């Protein structure tokens, strides 16, 4: 019963395109992902992490510091 057909929580939360890209990466590497999805996939991926990290590591600490002091 440990190996049920029910997908894991992380698999259900991950978008389908990301799961497919991960599988393509495992099978054919970075070149395969570029062939399948093109440079726009990496641009969106980069922009997402840039926005997330700036918010998490720069804007949020600045906001909290201004609120506390």
Protein backbone atom coordinates (compact mmCIF):
# COMPACT_ATOMS: atom_id res chain seq x y z
CA UNK A 1 0.00 0.00 0.00
CA UNK A 2 2.98 2.32 0.32
CA UNK A 3 3.19 2.71 -3.46
CA UNK A 4 -0.33 3.85 -4.25
CA UNK A 5 -1.32 5.40 -7.55
CA UNK A 6 -2.09 8.68 -5.80
CA UNK A 7 0.32 11.45 -6.91
CA UNK A 8 2.48 13.16 -4.33
CA UNK A 9 1.50 16.61 -3.08
CA UNK A 10 4.44 18.30 -4.78
CA UNK A 11 3.56 16.65 -8.10
CA UNK A 12 0.00 17.95 -7.86
CA UNK A 13 1.17 21.49 -7.11
CA UNK A 14 3.81 21.61 -9.85
CA UNK A 15 2.52 22.91 -13.21
CA UNK A 16 2.34 20.34 -15.99
CA UNK A 17 4.80 22.21 -18.22
CA UNK A 18 7.42 22.21 -15.45
CA UNK A 19 6.99 18.46 -14.90
CA UNK A 20 7.34 17.87 -18.65
CA UNK A 21 10.43 20.09 -18.86
CA UNK A 22 11.96 18.22 -15.94
CA UNK A 23 11.38 14.91 -17.71
CA UNK A 24 12.85 16.23 -20.98
CA UNK A 25 15.86 17.51 -19.04
CA UNK A 26 16.40 14.07 -17.50
CA UNK A 27 16.15 12.36 -20.89
CA UNK A 28 18.05 14.68 -23.21
CA UNK A 29 19.66 17.36 -21.06
CA UNK A 30 19.68 21.11 -21.47
CA UNK A 31 19.81 20.96 -25.27
CA UNK A 32 16.61 18.93 -25.31
CA UNK A 33 14.80 21.47 -23.16
CA UNK A 34 15.97 24.31 -25.40
CA UNK A 35 14.81 22.43 -28.51
CA UNK A 36 11.43 21.64 -27.00
CA UNK A 37 10.57 24.91 -25.23
CA UNK A 38 12.99 27.49 -26.62
CA UNK A 39 14.69 30.41 -24.93
CA UNK A 40 11.40 31.91 -23.69
CA UNK A 41 11.07 29.10 -21.14
CA UNK A 42 14.39 30.12 -19.62
CA UNK A 43 13.49 33.80 -19.74
CA UNK A 44 10.29 33.13 -17.76
CA UNK A 45 12.16 30.83 -15.36
CA UNK A 46 14.85 33.49 -14.78
CA UNK A 47 12.32 36.31 -14.35
CA UNK A 48 10.32 34.29 -11.83
CA UNK A 49 13.33 33.60 -9.64
CA UNK A 50 14.62 37.16 -10.00
CA UNK A 51 11.31 38.62 -8.81
CA UNK A 52 10.98 36.04 -6.04
CA UNK A 53 14.49 36.58 -4.70
CA UNK A 54 14.35 40.37 -4.85
CA UNK A 55 11.07 40.31 -2.96
CA UNK A 56 12.21 37.76 -0.42
CA UNK A 57 15.75 38.98 0.26
CA UNK A 58 15.59 42.74 -0.41
CA UNK A 59 12.08 44.21 -0.26
CA UNK A 60 10.72 42.17 2.64
CA UNK A 61 13.69 42.89 4.96
CA UNK A 62 13.56 46.59 4.05
CA UNK A 63 9.85 46.72 4.78
CA UNK A 64 10.26 44.94 8.10
CA UNK A 65 13.22 47.12 9.09
CA UNK A 66 11.24 50.29 8.35
CA UNK A 67 8.24 49.02 10.31
CA UNK A 68 10.32 48.05 13.36
CA UNK A 69 12.59 51.08 13.55
